C-alpha atoms as a PDB file:
ATOM      1  CA  UNK A   1     -79.290 -61.202-160.706  1.00  0.00           C
ATOM      2  CA  UNK A   2     -81.723 -60.159-158.488  1.00  0.00           C
ATOM      3  CA  UNK A   3     -85.829 -59.664-159.977  1.00  0.00           C
ATOM      4  CA  UNK A   4     -88.769 -57.647-158.298  1.00  0.00           C
ATOM      5  CA  UNK A   5     -90.363 -59.415-156.146  1.00  0.00           C
ATOM      6  CA  UNK A   6     -93.651 -59.138-154.090  1.00  0.00           C
ATOM      7  CA  UNK A   7     -94.512 -61.177-150.758  1.00  0.00           C
ATOM      8  CA  UNK A   8     -97.382 -61.499-147.912  1.00  0.00           C
ATOM      9  CA  UNK A   9     -96.727 -60.860-144.657  1.00  0.00           C
ATOM     10  CA  UNK A  10     -98.012 -62.202-141.133  1.00  0.00           C
ATOM     11  CA  UNK A  11     -98.021 -64.059-137.774  1.00  0.00           C
ATOM     12  CA  UNK A  12     -98.248 -67.281-138.587  1.00  0.00           C
ATOM     13  CA  UNK A  13     -97.628 -67.024-142.396  1.00  0.00           C
ATOM     14  CA  UNK A  14     -97.668 -71.148-143.456  1.00  0.00           C
ATOM     15  CA  UNK A  15    -101.407 -71.567-143.568  1.00  0.00           C
ATOM     16  CA  UNK A  16    -101.078 -68.265-146.491  1.00  0.00           C
ATOM     17  CA  UNK A  17    -102.598 -69.550-150.216  1.00  0.00           C
ATOM     18  CA  UNK A  18    -101.631 -66.014-151.823  1.00  0.00           C
ATOM     19  CA  UNK A  19     -98.165 -67.492-153.209  1.00  0.00           C
ATOM     20  CA  UNK A  20     -99.987 -70.233-155.187  1.00  0.00           C
ATOM     21  CA  UNK A  21    -102.258 -67.468-156.357  1.00  0.00           C
ATOM     22  CA  UNK A  22     -99.852 -65.102-157.220  1.00  0.00           C
ATOM     23  CA  UNK A  23     -97.407 -67.270-158.263  1.00  0.00           C
ATOM     24  CA  UNK A  24     -99.860 -68.337-160.975  1.00  0.00           C
ATOM     25  CA  UNK A  25    -100.792 -65.484-162.263  1.00  0.00           C
ATOM     26  CA  UNK A  26     -97.273 -64.345-162.731  1.00  0.00           C
ATOM     27  CA  UNK A  27     -96.618 -68.122-164.533  1.00  0.00           C
ATOM     28  CA  UNK A  28     -99.764 -67.463-166.594  1.00  0.00           C
ATOM     29  CA  UNK A  29     -98.434 -64.115-167.667  1.00  0.00           C
ATOM     30  CA  UNK A  30     -94.756 -64.760-168.188  1.00  0.00           C
ATOM     31  CA  UNK A  31     -93.345 -62.122-166.012  1.00  0.00           C
ATOM     32  CA  UNK A  32     -90.076 -62.242-164.537  1.00  0.00           C
ATOM     33  CA  UNK A  33     -91.245 -61.728-161.261  1.00  0.00           C
ATOM     34  CA  UNK A  34     -91.448 -63.788-157.711  1.00  0.00           C
ATOM     35  CA  UNK A  35     -93.895 -63.916-154.765  1.00  0.00           C
ATOM     36  CA  UNK A  36     -93.576 -65.000-151.116  1.00  0.00           C
ATOM     37  CA  UNK A  37     -94.271 -65.610-148.233  1.00  0.00           C
ATOM     38  CA  UNK A  38     -92.263 -64.428-145.359  1.00  0.00           C
ATOM     39  CA  UNK A  39     -93.332 -64.272-141.430  1.00  0.00           C
ATOM     40  CA  UNK A  40     -92.556 -61.141-139.679  1.00  0.00           C
ATOM     41  CA  UNK A  41     -93.617 -60.584-135.723  1.00  0.00           C
ATOM     42  CA  UNK A  42     -95.594 -57.755-133.931  1.00  0.00           C
ATOM     43  CA  UNK A  43     -92.167 -57.106-132.736  1.00  0.00           C
ATOM     44  CA  UNK A  44     -90.471 -57.405-136.306  1.00  0.00           C
ATOM     45  CA  UNK A  45     -92.989 -55.182-138.212  1.00  0.00           C
ATOM     46  CA  UNK A  46     -90.716 -51.828-137.958  1.00  0.00           C
ATOM     47  CA  UNK A  47     -87.554 -53.174-139.402  1.00  0.00           C
ATOM     48  CA  UNK A  48     -89.166 -55.241-141.818  1.00  0.00           C
ATOM     49  CA  UNK A  49     -90.581 -52.188-143.287  1.00  0.00           C
ATOM     50  CA  UNK A  50     -87.406 -50.243-142.714  1.00  0.00           C
ATOM     51  CA  UNK A  51     -85.529 -52.466-145.124  1.00  0.00           C
ATOM     52  CA  UNK A  52     -87.992 -52.876-147.219  1.00  0.00           C
ATOM     53  CA  UNK A  53     -87.938 -49.100-148.103  1.00  0.00           C
ATOM     54  CA  UNK A  54     -84.479 -49.685-149.063  1.00  0.00           C
ATOM     55  CA  UNK A  55     -84.965 -52.474-151.732  1.00  0.00           C
ATOM     56  CA  UNK A  56     -85.264 -51.509-155.061  1.00  0.00           C
ATOM     57  CA  UNK A  57     -86.555 -55.091-155.817  1.00  0.00           C
ATOM     58  CA  UNK A  58     -89.423 -55.175-153.572  1.00  0.00           C
ATOM     59  CA  UNK A  59     -92.504 -53.836-155.163  1.00  0.00           C
ATOM     60  CA  UNK A  60     -94.874 -54.697-152.185  1.00  0.00           C
ATOM     61  CA  UNK A  61     -96.696 -56.823-149.357  1.00  0.00           C
ATOM     62  CA  UNK A  62    -100.026 -58.887-148.757  1.00  0.00           C
ATOM     63  CA  UNK A  63    -100.573 -57.976-144.957  1.00  0.00           C
ATOM     64  CA  UNK A  64    -102.408 -60.924-142.596  1.00  0.00           C
ATOM     65  CA  UNK A  65    -103.313 -61.770-139.421  1.00  0.00           C
ATOM     66  CA  UNK A  66    -101.813 -59.604-136.780  1.00  0.00           C
ATOM     67  CA  UNK A  67    -100.455 -57.070-138.567  1.00  0.00           C
ATOM     68  CA  UNK A  68    -103.481 -55.135-140.712  1.00  0.00           C
ATOM     69  CA  UNK A  69    -104.111 -52.235-138.075  1.00  0.00           C
ATOM     70  CA  UNK A  70     -99.987 -51.647-136.849  1.00  0.00           C
ATOM     71  CA  UNK A  71     -99.014 -51.776-140.276  1.00  0.00           C
ATOM     72  CA  UNK A  72    -100.776 -48.651-141.084  1.00  0.00           C
ATOM     73  CA  UNK A  73     -97.947 -46.633-138.611  1.00  0.00           C
ATOM     74  CA  UNK A  74     -95.133 -47.745-141.037  1.00  0.00           C
ATOM     75  CA  UNK A  75     -96.646 -46.759-144.280  1.00  0.00           C
ATOM     76  CA  UNK A  76     -97.763 -43.681-146.011  1.00  0.00           C
ATOM     77  CA  UNK A  77    -101.352 -43.696-146.331  1.00  0.00           C
ATOM     78  CA  UNK A  78    -102.432 -40.954-149.202  1.00  0.00           C
ATOM     79  CA  UNK A  79    -105.703 -42.494-149.643  1.00  0.00           C
ATOM     80  CA  UNK A  80    -106.731 -41.698-146.048  1.00  0.00           C
ATOM     81  CA  UNK A  81    -107.413 -45.764-145.333  1.00  0.00           C
ATOM     82  CA  UNK A  82    -106.872 -45.151-141.711  1.00  0.00           C
ATOM     83  CA  UNK A  83    -109.980 -42.781-141.278  1.00  0.00           C
ATOM     84  CA  UNK A  84    -112.465 -44.726-144.280  1.00  0.00           C
ATOM     85  CA  UNK A  85    -111.533 -48.613-143.407  1.00  0.00           C
ATOM     86  CA  UNK A  86    -108.815 -48.437-140.474  1.00  0.00           C
ATOM     87  CA  UNK A  87    -106.679 -51.185-141.543  1.00  0.00           C
ATOM     88  CA  UNK A  88    -104.970 -51.833-144.344  1.00  0.00           C
ATOM     89  CA  UNK A  89    -104.069 -55.530-146.324  1.00  0.00           C
ATOM     90  CA  UNK A  90    -101.951 -54.226-148.907  1.00  0.00           C
ATOM     91  CA  UNK A  91     -98.878 -52.137-149.091  1.00  0.00           C
ATOM     92  CA  UNK A  92     -97.427 -50.858-152.824  1.00  0.00           C
ATOM     93  CA  UNK A  93     -94.498 -49.479-153.677  1.00  0.00           C
ATOM     94  CA  UNK A  94     -95.010 -45.975-155.058  1.00  0.00           C
ATOM     95  CA  UNK A  95     -93.328 -44.922-158.342  1.00  0.00           C
ATOM     96  CA  UNK A  96     -90.992 -42.507-155.635  1.00  0.00           C
ATOM     97  CA  UNK A  97     -90.474 -45.709-153.833  1.00  0.00           C
ATOM     98  CA  UNK A  98     -92.287 -44.794-150.727  1.00  0.00           C
ATOM     99  CA  UNK A  99     -94.344 -47.832-149.460  1.00  0.00           C
ATOM    100  CA  UNK A 100     -98.016 -47.049-149.436  1.00  0.00           C
ATOM    101  CA  UNK A 101    -100.912 -48.740-147.480  1.00  0.00           C
ATOM    102  CA  UNK A 102    -104.270 -49.559-149.206  1.00  0.00           C
ATOM    103  CA  UNK A 103    -106.742 -51.936-148.344  1.00  0.00           C
ATOM    104  CA  UNK A 104    -107.812 -54.504-151.735  1.00  0.00           C
ATOM    105  CA  UNK A 105    -110.071 -57.008-148.995  1.00  0.00           C
ATOM    106  CA  UNK A 106    -113.202 -54.515-149.222  1.00  0.00           C
ATOM    107  CA  UNK A 107    -113.336 -55.064-153.028  1.00  0.00           C
ATOM    108  CA  UNK A 108    -112.203 -58.567-153.222  1.00  0.00           C
ATOM    109  CA  UNK A 109    -115.692 -59.246-150.525  1.00  0.00           C
ATOM    110  CA  UNK A 110    -117.518 -57.079-152.963  1.00  0.00           C
ATOM    111  CA  UNK A 111    -116.909 -58.923-156.217  1.00  0.00           C
ATOM    112  CA  UNK A 112    -118.973 -62.098-155.610  1.00  0.00           C
ATOM    113  CA  UNK A 113    -121.905 -59.899-154.422  1.00  0.00           C
ATOM    114  CA  UNK A 114    -122.059 -57.526-157.236  1.00  0.00           C
ATOM    115  CA  UNK A 115    -125.002 -59.331-158.953  1.00  0.00           C
ATOM    116  CA  UNK A 116    -127.361 -59.412-155.883  1.00  0.00           C
ATOM    117  CA  UNK A 117    -129.363 -56.070-154.671  1.00  0.00           C
ATOM    118  CA  UNK A 118    -129.168 -55.784-150.524  1.00  0.00           C
ATOM    119  CA  UNK A 119    -130.306 -52.622-150.718  1.00  0.00           C
ATOM    120  CA  UNK A 120    -132.252 -51.634-147.517  1.00  0.00           C
ATOM    121  CA  UNK A 121    -132.097 -55.859-146.596  1.00  0.00           C
ATOM    122  CA  UNK A 122    -130.942 -56.854-143.108  1.00  0.00           C
ATOM    123  CA  UNK A 123    -127.309 -58.044-143.300  1.00  0.00           C
ATOM    124  CA  UNK A 124    -125.872 -60.425-139.653  1.00  0.00           C
ATOM    125  CA  UNK A 125    -121.720 -59.764-139.660  1.00  0.00           C
ATOM    126  CA  UNK A 126    -119.643 -62.542-137.290  1.00  0.00           C
ATOM    127  CA  UNK A 127    -116.559 -60.444-136.244  1.00  0.00           C
ATOM    128  CA  UNK A 128    -115.188 -56.808-135.600  1.00  0.00           C
ATOM    129  CA  UNK A 129    -111.490 -57.231-136.780  1.00  0.00           C
ATOM    130  CA  UNK A 130    -109.633 -55.762-139.691  1.00  0.00           C
ATOM    131  CA  UNK A 131    -111.259 -58.270-142.327  1.00  0.00           C
ATOM    132  CA  UNK A 132    -114.758 -56.889-140.748  1.00  0.00           C
ATOM    133  CA  UNK A 133    -113.756 -53.163-141.389  1.00  0.00           C
ATOM    134  CA  UNK A 134    -113.290 -53.553-145.110  1.00  0.00           C
ATOM    135  CA  UNK A 135    -116.419 -55.534-145.296  1.00  0.00           C
ATOM    136  CA  UNK A 136    -118.466 -53.011-143.298  1.00  0.00           C
ATOM    137  CA  UNK A 137    -116.885 -50.395-145.260  1.00  0.00           C
ATOM    138  CA  UNK A 138    -118.280 -52.245-148.326  1.00  0.00           C
ATOM    139  CA  UNK A 139    -121.457 -52.713-146.946  1.00  0.00           C
ATOM    140  CA  UNK A 140    -122.017 -49.161-146.144  1.00  0.00           C
ATOM    141  CA  UNK A 141    -121.432 -48.495-149.753  1.00  0.00           C
ATOM    142  CA  UNK A 142    -124.236 -51.220-151.054  1.00  0.00           C
ATOM    143  CA  UNK A 143    -126.506 -49.128-148.606  1.00  0.00           C
ATOM    144  CA  UNK A 144    -127.870 -52.517-146.568  1.00  0.00           C
ATOM    145  CA  UNK A 145    -130.310 -52.184-144.196  1.00  0.00           C
ATOM    146  CA  UNK A 146    -129.543 -52.511-140.622  1.00  0.00           C
ATOM    147  CA  UNK A 147    -126.372 -54.107-139.710  1.00  0.00           C
ATOM    148  CA  UNK A 148    -125.787 -57.032-136.842  1.00  0.00           C
ATOM    149  CA  UNK A 149    -122.622 -57.227-135.605  1.00  0.00           C
ATOM    150  CA  UNK A 150    -121.755 -60.174-133.425  1.00  0.00           C
ATOM    151  CA  UNK A 151    -118.593 -60.094-131.521  1.00  0.00           C
ATOM    152  CA  UNK A 152    -117.078 -61.241-128.588  1.00  0.00           C
ATOM    153  CA  UNK A 153    -116.822 -57.318-127.248  1.00  0.00           C
ATOM    154  CA  UNK A 154    -120.174 -55.831-127.937  1.00  0.00           C
ATOM    155  CA  UNK A 155    -119.151 -52.375-126.856  1.00  0.00           C
ATOM    156  CA  UNK A 156    -115.722 -52.607-129.654  1.00  0.00           C
ATOM    157  CA  UNK A 157    -118.482 -53.955-131.750  1.00  0.00           C
ATOM    158  CA  UNK A 158    -120.998 -51.157-131.498  1.00  0.00           C
ATOM    159  CA  UNK A 159    -118.588 -48.633-132.342  1.00  0.00           C
ATOM    160  CA  UNK A 160    -116.888 -49.845-135.020  1.00  0.00           C
ATOM    161  CA  UNK A 161    -120.954 -50.211-136.305  1.00  0.00           C
ATOM    162  CA  UNK A 162    -121.013 -46.427-135.788  1.00  0.00           C
ATOM    163  CA  UNK A 163    -117.833 -45.404-137.601  1.00  0.00           C
ATOM    164  CA  UNK A 164    -118.939 -46.736-140.532  1.00  0.00           C
ATOM    165  CA  UNK A 165    -122.434 -44.981-140.416  1.00  0.00           C
ATOM    166  CA  UNK A 166    -124.113 -48.274-139.735  1.00  0.00           C
ATOM    167  CA  UNK A 167    -127.614 -48.462-138.667  1.00  0.00           C
ATOM    168  CA  UNK A 168    -128.275 -51.451-136.402  1.00  0.00           C
ATOM    169  CA  UNK A 169    -126.797 -53.314-133.849  1.00  0.00           C
ATOM    170  CA  UNK A 170    -123.850 -55.191-131.902  1.00  0.00           C
ATOM    171  CA  UNK A 171    -124.692 -58.499-130.054  1.00  0.00           C
ATOM    172  CA  UNK A 172    -122.790 -61.194-128.072  1.00  0.00           C
ATOM    173  CA  UNK A 173    -121.606 -63.719-130.544  1.00  0.00           C
ATOM    174  CA  UNK A 174    -123.990 -66.206-128.609  1.00  0.00           C
ATOM    175  CA  UNK A 175    -126.573 -64.189-130.024  1.00  0.00           C
ATOM    176  CA  UNK A 176    -129.470 -66.025-132.259  1.00  0.00           C
ATOM    177  CA  UNK A 177    -129.831 -64.673-135.690  1.00  0.00           C
ATOM    178  CA  UNK A 178    -132.456 -62.621-137.236  1.00  0.00           C
ATOM    179  CA  UNK A 179    -135.177 -64.450-139.392  1.00  0.00           C
ATOM    180  CA  UNK A 180    -135.044 -61.172-141.594  1.00  0.00           C
ATOM    181  CA  UNK A 181    -131.465 -61.734-142.283  1.00  0.00           C
ATOM    182  CA  UNK A 182    -130.573 -61.289-146.125  1.00  0.00           C
ATOM    183  CA  UNK A 183    -126.827 -61.835-145.800  1.00  0.00           C
ATOM    184  CA  UNK A 184    -124.806 -63.421-143.379  1.00  0.00           C
ATOM    185  CA  UNK A 185    -121.057 -63.117-143.062  1.00  0.00           C
ATOM    186  CA  UNK A 186    -118.695 -65.085-140.879  1.00  0.00           C
ATOM    187  CA  UNK A 187    -115.814 -62.143-141.063  1.00  0.00           C
ATOM    188  CA  UNK A 188    -113.793 -63.696-138.242  1.00  0.00           C
ATOM    189  CA  UNK A 189    -111.194 -66.474-137.927  1.00  0.00           C
ATOM    190  CA  UNK A 190    -113.787 -68.792-136.042  1.00  0.00           C
ATOM    191  CA  UNK A 191    -114.137 -71.933-137.834  1.00  0.00           C
ATOM    192  CA  UNK A 192    -110.492 -71.653-139.307  1.00  0.00           C
ATOM    193  CA  UNK A 193    -108.036 -74.569-138.950  1.00  0.00           C
ATOM    194  CA  UNK A 194    -106.897 -73.835-135.207  1.00  0.00           C
ATOM    195  CA  UNK A 195    -109.430 -71.645-134.528  1.00  0.00           C
ATOM    196  CA  UNK A 196    -112.584 -71.954-132.174  1.00  0.00           C
ATOM    197  CA  UNK A 197    -115.474 -73.214-134.452  1.00  0.00           C
ATOM    198  CA  UNK A 198    -118.075 -71.036-134.851  1.00  0.00           C
ATOM    199  CA  UNK A 199    -121.302 -71.919-133.637  1.00  0.00           C
ATOM    200  CA  UNK A 200    -124.020 -70.869-135.031  1.00  0.00           C
ATOM    201  CA  UNK A 201    -127.475 -71.656-135.754  1.00  0.00           C
ATOM    202  CA  UNK A 202    -128.716 -70.797-139.599  1.00  0.00           C
ATOM    203  CA  UNK A 203    -131.796 -72.356-139.516  1.00  0.00           C
ATOM    204  CA  UNK A 204    -134.018 -69.067-138.755  1.00  0.00           C
ATOM    205  CA  UNK A 205    -132.495 -67.609-141.912  1.00  0.00           C
ATOM    206  CA  UNK A 206    -135.175 -67.232-144.633  1.00  0.00           C
ATOM    207  CA  UNK A 207    -134.739 -69.044-147.470  1.00  0.00           C
ATOM    208  CA  UNK A 208    -133.474 -66.610-150.576  1.00  0.00           C
ATOM    209  CA  UNK A 209    -130.968 -65.310-147.770  1.00  0.00           C
ATOM    210  CA  UNK A 210    -126.942 -65.389-149.131  1.00  0.00           C
ATOM    211  CA  UNK A 211    -124.370 -66.706-146.865  1.00  0.00           C
ATOM    212  CA  UNK A 212    -120.742 -65.945-147.035  1.00  0.00           C
ATOM    213  CA  UNK A 213    -117.818 -66.876-145.318  1.00  0.00           C
ATOM    214  CA  UNK A 214    -114.266 -65.227-145.302  1.00  0.00           C
ATOM    215  CA  UNK A 215    -112.253 -68.327-144.207  1.00  0.00           C
ATOM    216  CA  UNK A 216    -110.389 -70.465-146.726  1.00  0.00           C
ATOM    217  CA  UNK A 217    -108.598 -72.846-144.671  1.00  0.00           C
ATOM    218  CA  UNK A 218    -110.547 -75.279-144.491  1.00  0.00           C
ATOM    219  CA  UNK A 219    -112.604 -74.284-147.821  1.00  0.00           C
ATOM    220  CA  UNK A 220    -115.852 -76.309-146.812  1.00  0.00           C
ATOM    221  CA  UNK A 221    -116.620 -74.790-143.562  1.00  0.00           C
ATOM    222  CA  UNK A 222    -119.347 -76.191-141.520  1.00  0.00           C
ATOM    223  CA  UNK A 223    -121.595 -72.682-141.439  1.00  0.00           C
ATOM    224  CA  UNK A 224    -121.008 -73.315-145.737  1.00  0.00           C
ATOM    225  CA  UNK A 225    -121.895 -76.682-145.088  1.00  0.00           C
ATOM    226  CA  UNK A 226    -125.434 -75.890-143.378  1.00  0.00           C
ATOM    227  CA  UNK A 227    -126.081 -72.703-145.892  1.00  0.00           C
ATOM    228  CA  UNK A 228    -125.446 -75.515-148.559  1.00  0.00           C
ATOM    229  CA  UNK A 229    -127.587 -77.947-146.851  1.00  0.00           C
ATOM    230  CA  UNK A 230    -131.061 -75.592-146.333  1.00  0.00           C
ATOM    231  CA  UNK A 231    -130.176 -74.781-149.993  1.00  0.00           C
ATOM    232  CA  UNK A 232    -129.207 -71.512-149.530  1.00  0.00           C
ATOM    233  CA  UNK A 233    -127.020 -69.265-152.126  1.00  0.00           C
ATOM    234  CA  UNK A 234    -123.228 -69.377-150.667  1.00  0.00           C
ATOM    235  CA  UNK A 235    -119.907 -67.520-150.606  1.00  0.00           C
ATOM    236  CA  UNK A 236    -117.030 -69.108-150.038  1.00  0.00           C
ATOM    237  CA  UNK A 237    -113.366 -67.814-148.733  1.00  0.00           C
ATOM    238  CA  UNK A 238    -111.610 -68.257-152.064  1.00  0.00           C
ATOM    239  CA  UNK A 239    -113.502 -65.496-153.819  1.00  0.00           C
ATOM    240  CA  UNK A 240    -112.522 -62.603-151.845  1.00  0.00           C
ATOM    241  CA  UNK A 241    -109.400 -63.862-151.490  1.00  0.00           C
ATOM    242  CA  UNK A 242    -108.675 -64.394-155.093  1.00  0.00           C
ATOM    243  CA  UNK A 243    -110.605 -60.890-155.647  1.00  0.00           C
ATOM    244  CA  UNK A 244    -108.229 -58.642-153.297  1.00  0.00           C
ATOM    245  CA  UNK A 245    -105.197 -60.662-154.471  1.00  0.00           C
ATOM    246  CA  UNK A 246    -106.068 -59.731-158.335  1.00  0.00           C
ATOM    247  CA  UNK A 247    -106.398 -55.650-157.140  1.00  0.00           C
ATOM    248  CA  UNK A 248    -103.362 -56.198-155.142  1.00  0.00           C
ATOM    249  CA  UNK A 249    -101.196 -57.877-158.372  1.00  0.00           C
ATOM    250  CA  UNK A 250    -101.718 -55.069-160.388  1.00  0.00           C
ATOM    251  CA  UNK A 251    -100.297 -52.615-157.638  1.00  0.00           C
ATOM    252  CA  UNK A 252     -97.511 -55.098-157.308  1.00  0.00           C
ATOM    253  CA  UNK A 253     -96.956 -55.638-161.267  1.00  0.00           C
ATOM    254  CA  UNK A 254     -98.361 -53.281-163.237  1.00  0.00           C
ATOM    255  CA  UNK A 255    -100.311 -56.211-165.042  1.00  0.00           C
ATOM    256  CA  UNK A 256    -104.207 -57.409-165.047  1.00  0.00           C
ATOM    257  CA  UNK A 257    -104.066 -60.884-163.966  1.00  0.00           C
ATOM    258  CA  UNK A 258    -106.092 -63.483-165.899  1.00  0.00           C
ATOM    259  CA  UNK A 259    -109.394 -63.491-164.133  1.00  0.00           C
ATOM    260  CA  UNK A 260    -110.487 -66.367-166.962  1.00  0.00           C
ATOM    261  CA  UNK A 261    -108.404 -68.582-165.304  1.00  0.00           C
ATOM    262  CA  UNK A 262    -110.085 -68.765-162.389  1.00  0.00           C
ATOM    263  CA  UNK A 263    -111.602 -72.077-162.577  1.00  0.00           C
ATOM    264  CA  UNK A 264    -107.873 -73.769-163.032  1.00  0.00           C
ATOM    265  CA  UNK A 265    -106.503 -71.769-159.955  1.00  0.00           C
ATOM    266  CA  UNK A 266    -109.214 -72.591-157.491  1.00  0.00           C
ATOM    267  CA  UNK A 267    -108.325 -76.084-158.506  1.00  0.00           C
ATOM    268  CA  UNK A 268    -104.866 -75.486-157.549  1.00  0.00           C
ATOM    269  CA  UNK A 269    -105.397 -73.841-154.203  1.00  0.00           C
ATOM    270  CA  UNK A 270    -107.876 -76.650-153.041  1.00  0.00           C
ATOM    271  CA  UNK A 271    -105.489 -79.419-154.340  1.00  0.00           C
END
């Protein structure tokens, strides 16, 4: 007998921790549903969505690299995400069966920063990919001060800053961090297992700065290790991962996940 399911798609996909998160919540709530991981290549993306449209058990999917932009071409964009964030990380099945794209990364990124006030304060962001789009979207709504975007392709970074109405500058990846930086965010895959390291010197930044690394494999990145050695406030990649997953879970299964058990979930993810 079939049962409702959601999944995470990407290429590669083996590293995804989303099945652990959603599986934990499904078990805790006693819901008769499942969450899978599915390898989908760029060439297979159109066929994937065409097939899932006809599957009544499919509740949606999370989207990881490299499909966050391309997937927009295969789903409904009822919230005009294309002209907002410009990338999606979640697709849910609407009541009429239509796959609808949205982005829960922005909310997931913001959640652990809700207790801080970065209004008018300088921010440095590394990377200009799909995750960076959601982060810049959130930063614009947080009314932060000037944003310095470090990226290999400076022109692309400059266009991205402008598209979100953020004041600041785009600089090469090798540029030194401004001492005025109040929030440093690694929004790239640099430092992730299997990816090049993130070579960045955080010594110049102020003692009350916050360092946020969205990489979660490994969880303890060299950037976070260096920040903690400085005594700086840090936010690791699991914070954003769990936060964005919680928003997606409710869209998929119509139930609010038990966030009071996050400590247990984190232990599972770290094990």
